[in-house]
Structures are given as C-alpha cells and as structure tokens.
C-alpha cells in the first residue's frame, strides 16, 4: 500500500512577532512524521504579515495564535482572504463528505473564527490571563476524541487578553458543534466564564488555550521579567513557583502537548487514507 503523505498548511497569524508557537507546531509535525509508515509535508503561510493564504490542496490546516485585537482587523485584506479560505473549506466539506479537510484553530484564530461566524461575544478581558492553568471540560468535552487519555481538568498554557463569552448555542448546534471546555467556575468572581475549547463541527476544532505549548517554550516566557511579574501580581509567588514545577510534570502540559494536536493529525490522516 502506498505510504500516506499528509499535507498540512500552517496559517501563521503572528504577524512577524517573535513567538514560541510556530516552533512548537513545526516540532509537533516533525514528531508525527517520525511515526512508522507516515510521511508529512507542511507549508507555512504568513497570513497577516504578507497576506499569504493556502488553497484547498492541503489535507489539514493548523491556524495559530497571534498578537493584538481579534476585533480591529475585521474587514482587513488578510481577514478577507483568510475567511475566504475558511468558507471554501466549509463548502468543500459539505460537498465532499468523504474527503473533509480538518482545521485546528488556536487562540487568536479561535477568537476571530467565533466573531466572524457569529458564535459568541469576543471582548477584552478585565486582566491578562497567562500561565499553566487547569482546563475544565463541559459535558461534551468528557467524550471528545482529541482529549482521549487526559483527565478533567487537564492542564494547558493559557495566554490571552481577549475571550469568547455568551456563546450562541442555537448557532453552534446548527453548525454541528458543541462547547467542550469552559473557564473555571469561581463563585466569588462576578465575571462571565469564557469558552476554552469548541468543536465547531465534526472536523473544525478550536481552543482558546495553547495545546501546542511545550515546557521549553513556556519556561522561556515564565523566566522573562515581564511574564514573571505578571503571574506573581495575579496569582502570587507560590502559584508562580508551582507553574514552574508543573512544566516537567508528565501529567500536565507535556501530556496536553502529546495528545490534542497529535489526535487531530491522526484524525486528518484517517480521512486522507480513505482517498488513496
């Protein structure tokens, strides 16, 4: 049997800003390609900086996080191209149900997707959230295939000053989706709980958190004076030290890194194999 080649488009929304996300995604793809009997090809598109966009020739798409407001760029040239692709993927998936193209949306991508398709309210948080945080599953998240092998709650890197709240469940259900994770319930805090992960349909998936984050990248951020001070101001020095300890814990972000996006790639590969 011919060895499957999984072609993945990386939609880079970092707008040229230094980041660890692209390194982690490249690393995840390289590690997945080292599995026996699998070949993987990837191509990167600088969506915001150079207004590059992929076409429909790829088997799967990973769309990254990024800086800045997910609201202010509405109607921009790069967003027009970006959502032209998303509309095309959605149309393709309806027309070719046996050859669907999975999409994984991370943080900024998740926010603009929710805004564009009218899924929920996108707004700025009262304060920036940053650190290694527990992610709590909603009912649908407990049986989510991409979370298989993880606990509830599981741990992930959260880095955001924007959020998605007030989800339109009627709209979500019409699209074939469901909410998978929500922000921790804190009865003493009179703020809305945001959506942390969602399955938009059977092949389009998004997270507010960063499942691609690894200990190397997170340690880099936590050791910077700015991020260290930010975490200590919000959570205290004890919580900061616990976050540092969690980085090497195989049941924390290491498990999330090794689970969610690899499961997405396995799903994409299972669809691609049907077409060989």
C-alpha atoms as a PDB file:
ATOM      1  CA  UNK A   1       0.000   0.000   0.000  1.00  0.00           C
ATOM      2  CA  UNK A   2       1.243   3.478  -0.865  1.00  0.00           C
ATOM      3  CA  UNK A   3       2.627   5.385   2.123  1.00  0.00           C
ATOM      4  CA  UNK A   4       0.213   8.198   3.000  1.00  0.00           C
ATOM      5  CA  UNK A   5       1.543  11.732   2.752  1.00  0.00           C
ATOM      6  CA  UNK A   6      -0.328  14.161   4.974  1.00  0.00           C
ATOM      7  CA  UNK A   7      -0.099  17.722   3.626  1.00  0.00           C
ATOM      8  CA  UNK A   8      -0.628  20.339   6.324  1.00  0.00           C
ATOM      9  CA  UNK A   9      -0.962  24.104   5.859  1.00  0.00           C
ATOM     10  CA  UNK A  10       0.214  26.232   8.800  1.00  0.00           C
ATOM     11  CA  UNK A  11      -1.635  29.529   8.806  1.00  0.00           C
ATOM     12  CA  UNK A  12       0.723  31.865  10.686  1.00  0.00           C
ATOM     13  CA  UNK A  13      -1.178  34.715  12.382  1.00  0.00           C
ATOM     14  CA  UNK A  14       1.741  36.006  14.455  1.00  0.00           C
ATOM     15  CA  UNK A  15       2.246  38.993  12.141  1.00  0.00           C
ATOM     16  CA  UNK A  16       6.037  38.720  12.383  1.00  0.00           C
ATOM     17  CA  UNK A  17       6.062  38.887  16.187  1.00  0.00           C
ATOM     18  CA  UNK A  18       8.594  36.661  17.958  1.00  0.00           C
ATOM     19  CA  UNK A  19       6.859  33.606  19.401  1.00  0.00           C
ATOM     20  CA  UNK A  20       7.267  30.007  20.524  1.00  0.00           C
ATOM     21  CA  UNK A  21       4.073  28.784  18.867  1.00  0.00           C
ATOM     22  CA  UNK A  22       5.495  28.277  15.376  1.00  0.00           C
ATOM     23  CA  UNK A  23       8.477  26.341  16.741  1.00  0.00           C
ATOM     24  CA  UNK A  24       6.148  24.071  18.703  1.00  0.00           C
ATOM     25  CA  UNK A  25       3.859  23.419  15.725  1.00  0.00           C
ATOM     26  CA  UNK A  26       6.812  22.604  13.465  1.00  0.00           C
ATOM     27  CA  UNK A  27       8.128  20.288  16.170  1.00  0.00           C
ATOM     28  CA  UNK A  28       4.787  18.505  16.574  1.00  0.00           C
ATOM     29  CA  UNK A  29       4.551  17.931  12.829  1.00  0.00           C
ATOM     30  CA  UNK A  30       8.129  16.640  12.687  1.00  0.00           C
ATOM     31  CA  UNK A  31       7.489  14.253  15.574  1.00  0.00           C
ATOM     32  CA  UNK A  32       4.290  12.986  13.978  1.00  0.00           C
ATOM     33  CA  UNK A  33       6.167  12.394  10.713  1.00  0.00           C
ATOM     34  CA  UNK A  34       8.669  10.174  12.548  1.00  0.00           C
ATOM     35  CA  UNK A  35       5.984   7.565  13.178  1.00  0.00           C
ATOM     36  CA  UNK A  36       6.397   4.393  11.111  1.00  0.00           C
ATOM     37  CA  UNK A  37       4.611   4.400   7.768  1.00  0.00           C
ATOM     38  CA  UNK A  38       3.803   8.115   7.779  1.00  0.00           C
ATOM     39  CA  UNK A  39       5.143  10.946   5.642  1.00  0.00           C
ATOM     40  CA  UNK A  40       4.204  14.523   6.337  1.00  0.00           C
ATOM     41  CA  UNK A  41       4.639  17.697   4.334  1.00  0.00           C
ATOM     42  CA  UNK A  42       3.896  21.186   5.593  1.00  0.00           C
ATOM     43  CA  UNK A  43       3.846  24.683   4.165  1.00  0.00           C
ATOM     44  CA  UNK A  44       3.692  27.940   6.115  1.00  0.00           C
ATOM     45  CA  UNK A  45       1.659  30.975   5.134  1.00  0.00           C
ATOM     46  CA  UNK A  46       2.327  34.409   6.640  1.00  0.00           C
ATOM     47  CA  UNK A  47      -1.341  35.381   6.671  1.00  0.00           C
ATOM     48  CA  UNK A  48      -1.148  38.738   8.439  1.00  0.00           C
ATOM     49  CA  UNK A  49       2.331  39.976   7.566  1.00  0.00           C
ATOM     50  CA  UNK A  50       2.457  39.080   3.860  1.00  0.00           C
ATOM     51  CA  UNK A  51      -1.247  38.392   3.218  1.00  0.00           C
ATOM     52  CA  UNK A  52      -0.434  34.847   2.115  1.00  0.00           C
ATOM     53  CA  UNK A  53      -3.140  32.179   2.162  1.00  0.00           C
ATOM     54  CA  UNK A  54      -3.352  28.480   1.455  1.00  0.00           C
ATOM     55  CA  UNK A  55      -5.605  26.838  -1.126  1.00  0.00           C
ATOM     56  CA  UNK A  56      -7.739  23.707  -0.924  1.00  0.00           C
ATOM     57  CA  UNK A  57      -4.964  21.318  -1.960  1.00  0.00           C
ATOM     58  CA  UNK A  58      -3.978  20.531   1.650  1.00  0.00           C
ATOM     59  CA  UNK A  59      -5.294  17.682   3.781  1.00  0.00           C
ATOM     60  CA  UNK A  60      -5.409  19.671   7.027  1.00  0.00           C
ATOM     61  CA  UNK A  61      -4.936  23.206   8.360  1.00  0.00           C
ATOM     62  CA  UNK A  62      -3.487  24.498  11.632  1.00  0.00           C
ATOM     63  CA  UNK A  63      -4.172  28.180  12.323  1.00  0.00           C
ATOM     64  CA  UNK A  64      -2.058  29.806  15.023  1.00  0.00           C
ATOM     65  CA  UNK A  65      -2.388  32.264  17.841  1.00  0.00           C
ATOM     66  CA  UNK A  66      -1.232  35.825  17.402  1.00  0.00           C
ATOM     67  CA  UNK A  67      -0.968  39.288  18.910  1.00  0.00           C
ATOM     68  CA  UNK A  68      -3.408  42.151  19.063  1.00  0.00           C
ATOM     69  CA  UNK A  69      -7.132  42.649  18.865  1.00  0.00           C
ATOM     70  CA  UNK A  70      -9.329  39.982  17.234  1.00  0.00           C
ATOM     71  CA  UNK A  71     -11.872  42.741  16.539  1.00  0.00           C
ATOM     72  CA  UNK A  72      -9.921  45.621  14.997  1.00  0.00           C
ATOM     73  CA  UNK A  73      -8.869  43.639  11.899  1.00  0.00           C
ATOM     74  CA  UNK A  74     -12.432  42.897  10.823  1.00  0.00           C
ATOM     75  CA  UNK A  75     -12.767  43.564   7.090  1.00  0.00           C
ATOM     76  CA  UNK A  76      -8.999  43.821   6.519  1.00  0.00           C
ATOM     77  CA  UNK A  77      -7.429  42.380   3.378  1.00  0.00           C
ATOM     78  CA  UNK A  78      -5.795  39.490   5.187  1.00  0.00           C
ATOM     79  CA  UNK A  79      -9.001  38.585   7.020  1.00  0.00           C
ATOM     80  CA  UNK A  80     -10.949  38.666   3.752  1.00  0.00           C
ATOM     81  CA  UNK A  81      -8.504  36.137   2.284  1.00  0.00           C
ATOM     82  CA  UNK A  82      -8.438  34.095   5.487  1.00  0.00           C
ATOM     83  CA  UNK A  83     -12.200  33.719   5.745  1.00  0.00           C
ATOM     84  CA  UNK A  84     -12.427  33.155   2.020  1.00  0.00           C
ATOM     85  CA  UNK A  85     -10.375  30.030   2.684  1.00  0.00           C
ATOM     86  CA  UNK A  86     -12.493  29.066   5.708  1.00  0.00           C
ATOM     87  CA  UNK A  87     -15.685  29.478   3.680  1.00  0.00           C
ATOM     88  CA  UNK A  88     -14.166  27.364   0.900  1.00  0.00           C
ATOM     89  CA  UNK A  89     -13.180  24.635   3.362  1.00  0.00           C
ATOM     90  CA  UNK A  90     -16.657  24.574   4.858  1.00  0.00           C
ATOM     91  CA  UNK A  91     -18.227  24.377   1.388  1.00  0.00           C
ATOM     92  CA  UNK A  92     -15.809  21.626   0.362  1.00  0.00           C
ATOM     93  CA  UNK A  93     -16.613  19.614   3.477  1.00  0.00           C
ATOM     94  CA  UNK A  94     -20.324  19.753   2.666  1.00  0.00           C
ATOM     95  CA  UNK A  95     -19.781  18.828  -0.975  1.00  0.00           C
ATOM     96  CA  UNK A  96     -17.208  16.073  -0.286  1.00  0.00           C
ATOM     97  CA  UNK A  97     -18.232  14.393   2.983  1.00  0.00           C
ATOM     98  CA  UNK A  98     -15.786  11.506   2.473  1.00  0.00           C
ATOM     99  CA  UNK A  99     -12.827  13.828   1.857  1.00  0.00           C
ATOM    100  CA  UNK A 100     -13.274  16.500   4.505  1.00  0.00           C
ATOM    101  CA  UNK A 101     -10.416  18.817   5.423  1.00  0.00           C
ATOM    102  CA  UNK A 102      -9.903  19.235   9.201  1.00  0.00           C
ATOM    103  CA  UNK A 103      -8.990  22.610  10.685  1.00  0.00           C
ATOM    104  CA  UNK A 104      -7.397  23.341  14.072  1.00  0.00           C
ATOM    105  CA  UNK A 105      -7.800  26.912  15.379  1.00  0.00           C
ATOM    106  CA  UNK A 106      -5.598  28.198  18.227  1.00  0.00           C
ATOM    107  CA  UNK A 107      -6.242  31.253  20.450  1.00  0.00           C
ATOM    108  CA  UNK A 108      -6.363  34.302  18.116  1.00  0.00           C
ATOM    109  CA  UNK A 109      -7.645  32.113  15.275  1.00  0.00           C
ATOM    110  CA  UNK A 110     -10.303  30.706  17.593  1.00  0.00           C
ATOM    111  CA  UNK A 111     -11.417  34.210  18.564  1.00  0.00           C
ATOM    112  CA  UNK A 112     -11.717  35.632  15.044  1.00  0.00           C
ATOM    113  CA  UNK A 113     -13.498  32.470  13.848  1.00  0.00           C
ATOM    114  CA  UNK A 114     -16.078  32.856  16.631  1.00  0.00           C
ATOM    115  CA  UNK A 115     -16.528  36.524  15.757  1.00  0.00           C
ATOM    116  CA  UNK A 116     -16.809  36.001  12.002  1.00  0.00           C
ATOM    117  CA  UNK A 117     -19.358  33.184  12.220  1.00  0.00           C
ATOM    118  CA  UNK A 118     -21.409  34.814  14.980  1.00  0.00           C
ATOM    119  CA  UNK A 119     -20.713  32.115  17.548  1.00  0.00           C
ATOM    120  CA  UNK A 120     -20.172  34.261  20.635  1.00  0.00           C
ATOM    121  CA  UNK A 121     -19.172  37.632  22.015  1.00  0.00           C
ATOM    122  CA  UNK A 122     -15.478  38.485  21.610  1.00  0.00           C
ATOM    123  CA  UNK A 123     -14.277  41.033  24.150  1.00  0.00           C
ATOM    124  CA  UNK A 124     -11.235  42.156  26.084  1.00  0.00           C
ATOM    125  CA  UNK A 125     -10.655  40.597  29.487  1.00  0.00           C
ATOM    126  CA  UNK A 126     -10.503  42.666  32.640  1.00  0.00           C
ATOM    127  CA  UNK A 127      -6.911  41.421  33.045  1.00  0.00           C
ATOM    128  CA  UNK A 128      -4.489  39.322  31.006  1.00  0.00           C
ATOM    129  CA  UNK A 129      -4.541  35.597  31.705  1.00  0.00           C
ATOM    130  CA  UNK A 130      -1.158  33.905  31.479  1.00  0.00           C
ATOM    131  CA  UNK A 131       0.268  30.698  32.882  1.00  0.00           C
ATOM    132  CA  UNK A 132      -0.211  26.957  33.214  1.00  0.00           C
ATOM    133  CA  UNK A 133      -3.884  26.563  34.045  1.00  0.00           C
ATOM    134  CA  UNK A 134      -6.417  23.763  34.633  1.00  0.00           C
ATOM    135  CA  UNK A 135      -8.852  23.413  31.731  1.00  0.00           C
ATOM    136  CA  UNK A 136     -12.316  22.207  32.753  1.00  0.00           C
ATOM    137  CA  UNK A 137     -14.415  20.047  30.451  1.00  0.00           C
ATOM    138  CA  UNK A 138     -18.066  20.648  29.709  1.00  0.00           C
ATOM    139  CA  UNK A 139     -20.239  17.567  29.177  1.00  0.00           C
ATOM    140  CA  UNK A 140     -19.248  17.211  25.511  1.00  0.00           C
ATOM    141  CA  UNK A 141     -15.570  17.548  26.381  1.00  0.00           C
ATOM    142  CA  UNK A 142     -15.579  14.434  28.540  1.00  0.00           C
ATOM    143  CA  UNK A 143     -16.036  12.232  25.460  1.00  0.00           C
ATOM    144  CA  UNK A 144     -14.079  14.415  22.999  1.00  0.00           C
ATOM    145  CA  UNK A 145     -11.792  12.214  20.855  1.00  0.00           C
ATOM    146  CA  UNK A 146      -8.942  14.754  20.843  1.00  0.00           C
ATOM    147  CA  UNK A 147      -8.900  14.751  24.674  1.00  0.00           C
ATOM    148  CA  UNK A 148      -8.707  10.965  24.949  1.00  0.00           C
ATOM    149  CA  UNK A 149      -6.232   9.929  27.634  1.00  0.00           C
ATOM    150  CA  UNK A 150      -6.411  13.186  29.608  1.00  0.00           C
ATOM    151  CA  UNK A 151      -8.072  13.971  32.926  1.00  0.00           C
ATOM    152  CA  UNK A 152     -10.779  16.515  33.731  1.00  0.00           C
ATOM    153  CA  UNK A 153      -9.484  19.044  34.366  1.00  0.00           C
ATOM    154  CA  UNK A 154      -6.367  18.792  32.254  1.00  0.00           C
ATOM    155  CA  UNK A 155      -3.567  21.364  32.141  1.00  0.00           C
ATOM    156  CA  UNK A 156      -2.584  23.750  29.367  1.00  0.00           C
ATOM    157  CA  UNK A 157      -0.908  27.068  28.683  1.00  0.00           C
ATOM    158  CA  UNK A 158      -3.320  29.996  28.753  1.00  0.00           C
ATOM    159  CA  UNK A 159      -2.140  33.296  27.251  1.00  0.00           C
ATOM    160  CA  UNK A 160      -4.821  35.838  26.358  1.00  0.00           C
ATOM    161  CA  UNK A 161      -6.192  39.294  26.905  1.00  0.00           C
ATOM    162  CA  UNK A 162      -9.327  38.583  24.852  1.00  0.00           C
ATOM    163  CA  UNK A 163     -12.055  35.995  25.321  1.00  0.00           C
ATOM    164  CA  UNK A 164     -15.204  34.455  23.865  1.00  0.00           C
ATOM    165  CA  UNK A 165     -18.296  34.593  26.075  1.00  0.00           C
ATOM    166  CA  UNK A 166     -22.086  34.406  25.627  1.00  0.00           C
ATOM    167  CA  UNK A 167     -21.974  31.521  23.115  1.00  0.00           C
ATOM    168  CA  UNK A 168     -24.963  31.257  20.799  1.00  0.00           C
ATOM    169  CA  UNK A 169     -25.876  27.617  21.414  1.00  0.00           C
ATOM    170  CA  UNK A 170     -28.556  27.601  18.731  1.00  0.00           C
ATOM    171  CA  UNK A 171     -25.997  28.759  16.160  1.00  0.00           C
ATOM    172  CA  UNK A 172     -23.386  26.295  17.437  1.00  0.00           C
ATOM    173  CA  UNK A 173     -25.790  23.361  17.255  1.00  0.00           C
ATOM    174  CA  UNK A 174     -26.931  24.377  13.763  1.00  0.00           C
ATOM    175  CA  UNK A 175     -23.295  24.199  12.659  1.00  0.00           C
ATOM    176  CA  UNK A 176     -22.973  20.729  14.174  1.00  0.00           C
ATOM    177  CA  UNK A 177     -20.786  21.816  17.063  1.00  0.00           C
ATOM    178  CA  UNK A 178     -20.651  21.926  20.834  1.00  0.00           C
ATOM    179  CA  UNK A 179     -18.724  23.580  23.656  1.00  0.00           C
ATOM    180  CA  UNK A 180     -16.014  21.315  25.044  1.00  0.00           C
ATOM    181  CA  UNK A 181     -14.296  23.357  27.775  1.00  0.00           C
ATOM    182  CA  UNK A 182     -15.145  26.398  29.850  1.00  0.00           C
ATOM    183  CA  UNK A 183     -13.311  28.633  32.267  1.00  0.00           C
ATOM    184  CA  UNK A 184     -13.107  27.500  35.883  1.00  0.00           C
ATOM    185  CA  UNK A 185     -16.200  28.287  37.940  1.00  0.00           C
ATOM    186  CA  UNK A 186     -15.331  30.900  40.570  1.00  0.00           C
ATOM    187  CA  UNK A 187     -18.468  31.891  42.505  1.00  0.00           C
ATOM    188  CA  UNK A 188     -16.635  34.739  44.246  1.00  0.00           C
ATOM    189  CA  UNK A 189     -15.735  36.400  40.920  1.00  0.00           C
ATOM    190  CA  UNK A 190     -18.630  38.204  39.242  1.00  0.00           C
ATOM    191  CA  UNK A 191     -17.357  37.771  35.684  1.00  0.00           C
ATOM    192  CA  UNK A 192     -18.610  35.694  32.772  1.00  0.00           C
ATOM    193  CA  UNK A 193     -16.925  32.364  32.176  1.00  0.00           C
ATOM    194  CA  UNK A 194     -15.324  32.180  28.765  1.00  0.00           C
ATOM    195  CA  UNK A 195     -15.302  29.326  26.265  1.00  0.00           C
ATOM    196  CA  UNK A 196     -11.953  27.494  26.293  1.00  0.00           C
ATOM    197  CA  UNK A 197     -12.500  24.914  23.535  1.00  0.00           C
ATOM    198  CA  UNK A 198     -15.134  24.135  20.968  1.00  0.00           C
ATOM    199  CA  UNK A 199     -15.856  21.642  18.244  1.00  0.00           C
ATOM    200  CA  UNK A 200     -17.420  23.758  15.502  1.00  0.00           C
ATOM    201  CA  UNK A 201     -18.384  20.651  13.545  1.00  0.00           C
ATOM    202  CA  UNK A 202     -17.011  17.151  13.039  1.00  0.00           C
ATOM    203  CA  UNK A 203     -13.706  18.366  11.540  1.00  0.00           C
ATOM    204  CA  UNK A 204     -13.292  22.022  12.572  1.00  0.00           C
ATOM    205  CA  UNK A 205     -11.951  22.382  16.097  1.00  0.00           C
ATOM    206  CA  UNK A 206     -10.658  25.278  18.189  1.00  0.00           C
ATOM    207  CA  UNK A 207      -9.057  26.058  21.525  1.00  0.00           C
ATOM    208  CA  UNK A 208      -8.644  29.318  23.415  1.00  0.00           C
ATOM    209  CA  UNK A 209      -5.620  27.807  25.185  1.00  0.00           C
ATOM    210  CA  UNK A 210      -2.351  26.682  23.555  1.00  0.00           C
ATOM    211  CA  UNK A 211      -2.214  22.887  23.155  1.00  0.00           C
ATOM    212  CA  UNK A 212       0.981  23.234  21.106  1.00  0.00           C
ATOM    213  CA  UNK A 213       2.938  24.756  24.021  1.00  0.00           C
ATOM    214  CA  UNK A 214       5.819  22.696  25.382  1.00  0.00           C
ATOM    215  CA  UNK A 215       7.923  23.072  28.567  1.00  0.00           C
ATOM    216  CA  UNK A 216      10.838  24.672  26.693  1.00  0.00           C
ATOM    217  CA  UNK A 217       8.713  27.485  25.299  1.00  0.00           C
ATOM    218  CA  UNK A 218       6.764  28.038  28.493  1.00  0.00           C
ATOM    219  CA  UNK A 219       9.930  28.176  30.592  1.00  0.00           C
ATOM    220  CA  UNK A 220      11.258  30.824  28.195  1.00  0.00           C
ATOM    221  CA  UNK A 221       8.218  33.004  28.860  1.00  0.00           C
ATOM    222  CA  UNK A 222       7.974  32.401  32.606  1.00  0.00           C
ATOM    223  CA  UNK A 223      11.611  33.394  33.082  1.00  0.00           C
ATOM    224  CA  UNK A 224      11.170  36.786  31.434  1.00  0.00           C
ATOM    225  CA  UNK A 225      10.802  39.627  33.938  1.00  0.00           C
ATOM    226  CA  UNK A 226       7.536  40.808  32.376  1.00  0.00           C
ATOM    227  CA  UNK A 227       5.737  37.467  32.480  1.00  0.00           C
ATOM    228  CA  UNK A 228       7.122  36.519  35.886  1.00  0.00           C
ATOM    229  CA  UNK A 229       5.872  39.769  37.380  1.00  0.00           C
ATOM    230  CA  UNK A 230       2.530  39.381  35.628  1.00  0.00           C
ATOM    231  CA  UNK A 231       1.935  35.917  37.073  1.00  0.00           C
ATOM    232  CA  UNK A 232       3.062  36.942  40.562  1.00  0.00           C
ATOM    233  CA  UNK A 233       0.795  40.004  40.550  1.00  0.00           C
ATOM    234  CA  UNK A 234      -2.225  37.946  39.502  1.00  0.00           C
ATOM    235  CA  UNK A 235      -1.640  34.683  41.336  1.00  0.00           C
ATOM    236  CA  UNK A 236       1.159  35.157  43.879  1.00  0.00           C
ATOM    237  CA  UNK A 237       4.732  33.902  44.033  1.00  0.00           C
ATOM    238  CA  UNK A 238       3.712  30.488  45.343  1.00  0.00           C
ATOM    239  CA  UNK A 239       1.496  29.909  42.298  1.00  0.00           C
ATOM    240  CA  UNK A 240       4.328  31.076  40.036  1.00  0.00           C
ATOM    241  CA  UNK A 241       6.692  28.512  41.570  1.00  0.00           C
ATOM    242  CA  UNK A 242       4.037  25.808  41.179  1.00  0.00           C
ATOM    243  CA  UNK A 243       3.739  26.690  37.486  1.00  0.00           C
ATOM    244  CA  UNK A 244       7.498  26.249  37.070  1.00  0.00           C
ATOM    245  CA  UNK A 245       7.278  22.833  38.769  1.00  0.00           C
ATOM    246  CA  UNK A 246       4.353  21.820  36.555  1.00  0.00           C
ATOM    247  CA  UNK A 247       6.404  22.245  33.387  1.00  0.00           C
ATOM    248  CA  UNK A 248       8.259  18.974  33.883  1.00  0.00           C
ATOM    249  CA  UNK A 249       5.221  17.068  35.155  1.00  0.00           C
ATOM    250  CA  UNK A 250       4.320  14.415  32.525  1.00  0.00           C
ATOM    251  CA  UNK A 251       0.647  14.728  33.512  1.00  0.00           C
ATOM    252  CA  UNK A 252       0.453  18.483  32.873  1.00  0.00           C
ATOM    253  CA  UNK A 253       1.303  20.415  29.683  1.00  0.00           C
ATOM    254  CA  UNK A 254       3.567  17.613  28.439  1.00  0.00           C
ATOM    255  CA  UNK A 255       0.507  15.354  28.258  1.00  0.00           C
ATOM    256  CA  UNK A 256      -1.556  18.062  26.534  1.00  0.00           C
ATOM    257  CA  UNK A 257       1.248  18.666  24.015  1.00  0.00           C
ATOM    258  CA  UNK A 258       1.481  14.931  23.279  1.00  0.00           C
ATOM    259  CA  UNK A 259      -2.274  14.421  22.993  1.00  0.00           C
ATOM    260  CA  UNK A 260      -4.504  17.058  21.414  1.00  0.00           C
ATOM    261  CA  UNK A 261      -2.766  18.093  18.192  1.00  0.00           C
ATOM    262  CA  UNK A 262      -1.407  14.564  17.578  1.00  0.00           C
ATOM    263  CA  UNK A 263      -5.006  13.275  17.823  1.00  0.00           C
ATOM    264  CA  UNK A 264      -6.033  15.972  15.341  1.00  0.00           C
ATOM    265  CA  UNK A 265      -3.308  14.821  12.941  1.00  0.00           C
ATOM    266  CA  UNK A 266      -4.358  11.180  13.391  1.00  0.00           C
ATOM    267  CA  UNK A 267      -7.920  12.164  12.531  1.00  0.00           C
ATOM    268  CA  UNK A 268      -6.744  14.062   9.438  1.00  0.00           C
ATOM    269  CA  UNK A 269      -4.619  11.100   8.383  1.00  0.00           C
ATOM    270  CA  UNK A 270      -7.533   8.678   8.783  1.00  0.00           C
ATOM    271  CA  UNK A 271      -9.584  10.826   6.391  1.00  0.00           C
ATOM    272  CA  UNK A 272      -6.698  11.206   3.943  1.00  0.00           C
ATOM    273  CA  UNK A 273      -6.103   7.433   3.857  1.00  0.00           C
ATOM    274  CA  UNK A 274      -9.645   6.906   2.598  1.00  0.00           C
ATOM    275  CA  UNK A 275      -8.775   8.870  -0.542  1.00  0.00           C
ATOM    276  CA  UNK A 276      -5.662   6.867  -1.523  1.00  0.00           C
END
